Amino acid sequence: MFKAATAHEKFSIGVFVFNIIIYIWFYNKISSDWALIPLGKFDLGAILATWVVIWVIVSIVLAAISRGGEKYGRQGDLDERETQQEVRGDSNGYFALNLGVGIIIVQMLIEQEKFSGSYLLSTPVGMVFALVTVLTFAMAVQYGSIIWMARR
């Protein structure tokens, strides 16, 4: 029923799953009871730095594991079908990223008094939360598209 996953698919599945896990970690660090915690610049910077370092380390580990020790060339080792999947996944991911950033910009242009929620973009924590959420969603769309196209 299911064919064996290629190294490209293994990497995509790993990134997709880790993307969700790291977002849950990030959300738990900056929120409490569905409201953002008012963090200082140092605390917010430390959380973001940790997020970036974890992403770099896990990406390297996933690339090494998915290739099984083989040399990995970004486009050189992909066959035509995998290259097409990656291009389509990138296209879908960038569309989601542009849509999310557009929504953030529109919300920033609208008067803030009309909103009473806890995720306002007027605070640094709110802005970081919104941008990380959009980035996470875009990456989930990108790698989810690659996985979906590889499995059909």
C-alpha atoms as a PDB file:
ATOM      1  CA  MET A   1       0.000   0.000   0.000  1.00  0.00           C
ATOM      2  CA  PHE A   2       2.697   2.504   0.997  1.00  0.00           C
ATOM      3  CA  LYS A   3       5.971   2.636  -0.853  1.00  0.00           C
ATOM      4  CA  ALA A   4       9.252   3.102   0.985  1.00  0.00           C
ATOM      5  CA  ALA A   5      10.028   6.724   1.760  1.00  0.00           C
ATOM      6  CA  THR A   6      12.921   8.335  -0.083  1.00  0.00           C
ATOM      7  CA  ALA A   7      15.507  10.417   1.762  1.00  0.00           C
ATOM      8  CA  HIS A   8      13.737  13.542   0.531  1.00  0.00           C
ATOM      9  CA  GLU A   9      10.405  12.363   1.958  1.00  0.00           C
ATOM     10  CA  LYS A  10      12.006  11.364   5.267  1.00  0.00           C
ATOM     11  CA  PHE A  11      13.504  14.826   5.615  1.00  0.00           C
ATOM     12  CA  SER A  12      10.175  16.484   4.744  1.00  0.00           C
ATOM     13  CA  ILE A  13       8.262  14.345   7.245  1.00  0.00           C
ATOM     14  CA  GLY A  14      10.833  15.089   9.949  1.00  0.00           C
ATOM     15  CA  VAL A  15      10.690  18.842   9.349  1.00  0.00           C
ATOM     16  CA  PHE A  16       6.884  18.816   9.258  1.00  0.00           C
ATOM     17  CA  VAL A  17       6.595  16.963  12.577  1.00  0.00           C
ATOM     18  CA  PHE A  18       9.335  18.978  14.264  1.00  0.00           C
ATOM     19  CA  ASN A  19       7.751  22.209  13.018  1.00  0.00           C
ATOM     20  CA  ILE A  20       4.605  21.397  14.997  1.00  0.00           C
ATOM     21  CA  ILE A  21       6.569  20.321  18.087  1.00  0.00           C
ATOM     22  CA  ILE A  22       8.763  23.449  18.211  1.00  0.00           C
ATOM     23  CA  TYR A  23       5.727  25.701  17.725  1.00  0.00           C
ATOM     24  CA  ILE A  24       3.984  24.073  20.694  1.00  0.00           C
ATOM     25  CA  TRP A  25       7.157  24.649  22.757  1.00  0.00           C
ATOM     26  CA  PHE A  26       7.314  28.289  21.603  1.00  0.00           C
ATOM     27  CA  TYR A  27       3.625  28.881  22.329  1.00  0.00           C
ATOM     28  CA  ASN A  28       3.974  27.449  25.839  1.00  0.00           C
ATOM     29  CA  LYS A  29       6.975  29.716  26.504  1.00  0.00           C
ATOM     30  CA  ILE A  30       5.212  32.971  25.582  1.00  0.00           C
ATOM     31  CA  SER A  31       1.637  32.335  26.673  1.00  0.00           C
ATOM     32  CA  SER A  32      -0.372  31.392  29.704  1.00  0.00           C
ATOM     33  CA  ASP A  33      -4.093  30.652  29.809  1.00  0.00           C
ATOM     34  CA  TRP A  34      -4.557  31.660  26.155  1.00  0.00           C
ATOM     35  CA  ALA A  35      -2.983  35.087  26.723  1.00  0.00           C
ATOM     36  CA  LEU A  36       0.471  36.300  25.816  1.00  0.00           C
ATOM     37  CA  ILE A  37       2.863  36.870  28.703  1.00  0.00           C
ATOM     38  CA  PRO A  38       4.341  40.394  28.739  1.00  0.00           C
ATOM     39  CA  LEU A  39       8.003  39.448  28.372  1.00  0.00           C
ATOM     40  CA  GLY A  40      10.961  41.787  28.499  1.00  0.00           C
ATOM     41  CA  LYS A  41      13.290  42.231  25.529  1.00  0.00           C
ATOM     42  CA  PHE A  42      15.926  39.941  27.063  1.00  0.00           C
ATOM     43  CA  ASP A  43      13.469  37.120  27.782  1.00  0.00           C
ATOM     44  CA  LEU A  44      11.893  37.383  24.345  1.00  0.00           C
ATOM     45  CA  GLY A  45      15.320  37.485  22.701  1.00  0.00           C
ATOM     46  CA  ALA A  46      16.445  34.423  24.663  1.00  0.00           C
ATOM     47  CA  ILE A  47      13.357  32.463  23.594  1.00  0.00           C
ATOM     48  CA  LEU A  48      13.866  33.437  19.935  1.00  0.00           C
ATOM     49  CA  ALA A  49      17.584  32.619  20.054  1.00  0.00           C
ATOM     50  CA  THR A  50      16.806  29.217  21.558  1.00  0.00           C
ATOM     51  CA  TRP A  51      14.175  28.634  18.870  1.00  0.00           C
ATOM     52  CA  VAL A  52      16.684  29.413  16.092  1.00  0.00           C
ATOM     53  CA  VAL A  53      19.473  27.274  17.597  1.00  0.00           C
ATOM     54  CA  ILE A  54      17.121  24.315  18.052  1.00  0.00           C
ATOM     55  CA  TRP A  55      15.961  24.666  14.429  1.00  0.00           C
ATOM     56  CA  VAL A  56      19.533  24.705  13.102  1.00  0.00           C
ATOM     57  CA  ILE A  57      20.597  21.672  15.134  1.00  0.00           C
ATOM     58  CA  VAL A  58      17.500  19.635  14.284  1.00  0.00           C
ATOM     59  CA  SER A  59      17.749  20.501  10.569  1.00  0.00           C
ATOM     60  CA  ILE A  60      21.334  19.247  10.476  1.00  0.00           C
ATOM     61  CA  VAL A  61      20.406  16.071  12.340  1.00  0.00           C
ATOM     62  CA  LEU A  62      17.377  15.419  10.108  1.00  0.00           C
ATOM     63  CA  ALA A  63      19.449  15.911   6.963  1.00  0.00           C
ATOM     64  CA  ALA A  64      22.094  13.489   8.231  1.00  0.00           C
ATOM     65  CA  ILE A  65      19.549  10.872   9.315  1.00  0.00           C
ATOM     66  CA  SER A  66      17.420  11.088   6.171  1.00  0.00           C
ATOM     67  CA  ARG A  67      20.418  10.515   3.916  1.00  0.00           C
ATOM     68  CA  GLY A  68      21.795   7.672   6.003  1.00  0.00           C
ATOM     69  CA  GLY A  69      25.329   9.033   5.914  1.00  0.00           C
ATOM     70  CA  GLU A  70      25.379   9.641   2.162  1.00  0.00           C
ATOM     71  CA  LYS A  71      26.602  12.932   0.770  1.00  0.00           C
ATOM     72  CA  TYR A  72      23.710  15.340   0.392  1.00  0.00           C
ATOM     73  CA  GLY A  73      23.531  17.859  -2.423  1.00  0.00           C
ATOM     74  CA  ARG A  74      20.487  20.139  -2.223  1.00  0.00           C
ATOM     75  CA  GLN A  75      19.277  19.715  -5.812  1.00  0.00           C
ATOM     76  CA  GLY A  76      21.903  17.347  -7.209  1.00  0.00           C
ATOM     77  CA  ASP A  77      20.564  14.164  -5.630  1.00  0.00           C
ATOM     78  CA  LEU A  78      16.860  14.780  -6.292  1.00  0.00           C
ATOM     79  CA  ASP A  79      15.196  13.072  -9.213  1.00  0.00           C
ATOM     80  CA  GLU A  80      12.823  14.939 -11.505  1.00  0.00           C
ATOM     81  CA  ARG A  81       9.719  14.008  -9.525  1.00  0.00           C
ATOM     82  CA  GLU A  82      11.225  15.098  -6.202  1.00  0.00           C
ATOM     83  CA  THR A  83      12.398  18.366  -7.738  1.00  0.00           C
ATOM     84  CA  GLN A  84       8.867  19.043  -8.972  1.00  0.00           C
ATOM     85  CA  GLN A  85       7.472  18.231  -5.513  1.00  0.00           C
ATOM     86  CA  GLU A  86       9.936  20.595  -3.879  1.00  0.00           C
ATOM     87  CA  VAL A  87       9.154  23.422  -6.314  1.00  0.00           C
ATOM     88  CA  ARG A  88       5.408  22.985  -5.730  1.00  0.00           C
ATOM     89  CA  GLY A  89       5.914  22.791  -1.945  1.00  0.00           C
ATOM     90  CA  ASP A  90       8.021  25.956  -2.006  1.00  0.00           C
ATOM     91  CA  SER A  91       5.357  27.703  -4.074  1.00  0.00           C
ATOM     92  CA  ASN A  92       2.584  26.719  -1.653  1.00  0.00           C
ATOM     93  CA  GLY A  93       4.710  27.678   1.365  1.00  0.00           C
ATOM     94  CA  TYR A  94       5.575  31.098  -0.023  1.00  0.00           C
ATOM     95  CA  PHE A  95       1.935  31.723  -0.878  1.00  0.00           C
ATOM     96  CA  ALA A  96       0.966  30.947   2.736  1.00  0.00           C
ATOM     97  CA  LEU A  97       3.809  33.155   4.016  1.00  0.00           C
ATOM     98  CA  ASN A  98       2.747  36.085   1.819  1.00  0.00           C
ATOM     99  CA  LEU A  99      -0.875  35.655   2.844  1.00  0.00           C
ATOM    100  CA  GLY A 100       0.031  35.621   6.543  1.00  0.00           C
ATOM    101  CA  VAL A 101       2.307  38.659   6.314  1.00  0.00           C
ATOM    102  CA  GLY A 102      -0.402  40.484   4.360  1.00  0.00           C
ATOM    103  CA  ILE A 103      -2.915  39.750   7.112  1.00  0.00           C
ATOM    104  CA  ILE A 104      -0.459  41.049   9.729  1.00  0.00           C
ATOM    105  CA  ILE A 105       0.130  44.262   7.763  1.00  0.00           C
ATOM    106  CA  VAL A 106      -3.598  44.862   7.294  1.00  0.00           C
ATOM    107  CA  GLN A 107      -4.213  44.312  10.996  1.00  0.00           C
ATOM    108  CA  MET A 108      -1.439  46.782  11.838  1.00  0.00           C
ATOM    109  CA  LEU A 109      -2.980  49.408   9.557  1.00  0.00           C
ATOM    110  CA  ILE A 110      -6.402  49.121  11.169  1.00  0.00           C
ATOM    111  CA  GLU A 111      -6.904  51.075  14.356  1.00  0.00           C
ATOM    112  CA  GLN A 112      -5.865  49.039  17.382  1.00  0.00           C
ATOM    113  CA  GLU A 113      -8.778  50.324  19.474  1.00  0.00           C
ATOM    114  CA  LYS A 114     -11.144  48.114  17.497  1.00  0.00           C
ATOM    115  CA  PHE A 115      -9.436  44.988  18.809  1.00  0.00           C
ATOM    116  CA  SER A 116      -9.636  43.857  22.409  1.00  0.00           C
ATOM    117  CA  GLY A 117      -7.971  40.441  22.130  1.00  0.00           C
ATOM    118  CA  SER A 118      -4.777  39.396  23.824  1.00  0.00           C
ATOM    119  CA  TYR A 119      -2.803  38.974  20.590  1.00  0.00           C
ATOM    120  CA  LEU A 120      -2.493  42.613  19.602  1.00  0.00           C
ATOM    121  CA  LEU A 121       0.393  43.490  17.329  1.00  0.00           C
ATOM    122  CA  SER A 122       1.182  46.654  19.265  1.00  0.00           C
ATOM    123  CA  THR A 123       3.422  44.793  21.708  1.00  0.00           C
ATOM    124  CA  PRO A 124       6.757  43.170  20.839  1.00  0.00           C
ATOM    125  CA  VAL A 125       5.517  39.817  22.150  1.00  0.00           C
ATOM    126  CA  GLY A 126       2.389  40.046  20.002  1.00  0.00           C
ATOM    127  CA  MET A 127       4.398  40.906  16.906  1.00  0.00           C
ATOM    128  CA  VAL A 128       6.877  38.073  17.464  1.00  0.00           C
ATOM    129  CA  PHE A 129       4.017  35.676  18.144  1.00  0.00           C
ATOM    130  CA  ALA A 130       2.265  36.671  14.925  1.00  0.00           C
ATOM    131  CA  LEU A 131       5.406  36.383  12.803  1.00  0.00           C
ATOM    132  CA  VAL A 132       6.436  33.005  14.254  1.00  0.00           C
ATOM    133  CA  THR A 133       2.878  31.723  13.790  1.00  0.00           C
ATOM    134  CA  VAL A 134       2.867  32.790  10.138  1.00  0.00           C
ATOM    135  CA  LEU A 135       6.318  31.281   9.561  1.00  0.00           C
ATOM    136  CA  THR A 136       5.296  28.002  11.203  1.00  0.00           C
ATOM    137  CA  PHE A 137       2.091  27.831   9.167  1.00  0.00           C
ATOM    138  CA  ALA A 138       3.981  28.540   5.931  1.00  0.00           C
ATOM    139  CA  MET A 139       6.534  25.821   6.661  1.00  0.00           C
ATOM    140  CA  ALA A 140       3.771  23.357   7.526  1.00  0.00           C
ATOM    141  CA  VAL A 141       2.087  24.127   4.197  1.00  0.00           C
ATOM    142  CA  GLN A 142       5.410  23.809   2.342  1.00  0.00           C
ATOM    143  CA  TYR A 143       6.475  20.456   3.778  1.00  0.00           C
ATOM    144  CA  GLY A 144       2.922  19.156   4.020  1.00  0.00           C
ATOM    145  CA  SER A 145       2.559  19.780   0.277  1.00  0.00           C
ATOM    146  CA  ILE A 146       5.769  17.887  -0.435  1.00  0.00           C
ATOM    147  CA  ILE A 147       4.649  14.931   1.698  1.00  0.00           C
ATOM    148  CA  TRP A 148       1.165  14.918   0.172  1.00  0.00           C
ATOM    149  CA  MET A 149       2.503  15.001  -3.410  1.00  0.00           C
ATOM    150  CA  ALA A 150       5.062  12.283  -2.670  1.00  0.00           C
ATOM    151  CA  ARG A 151       2.401   9.975  -1.223  1.00  0.00           C
ATOM    152  CA  ARG A 152      -0.211  10.217  -3.954  1.00  0.00           C
END
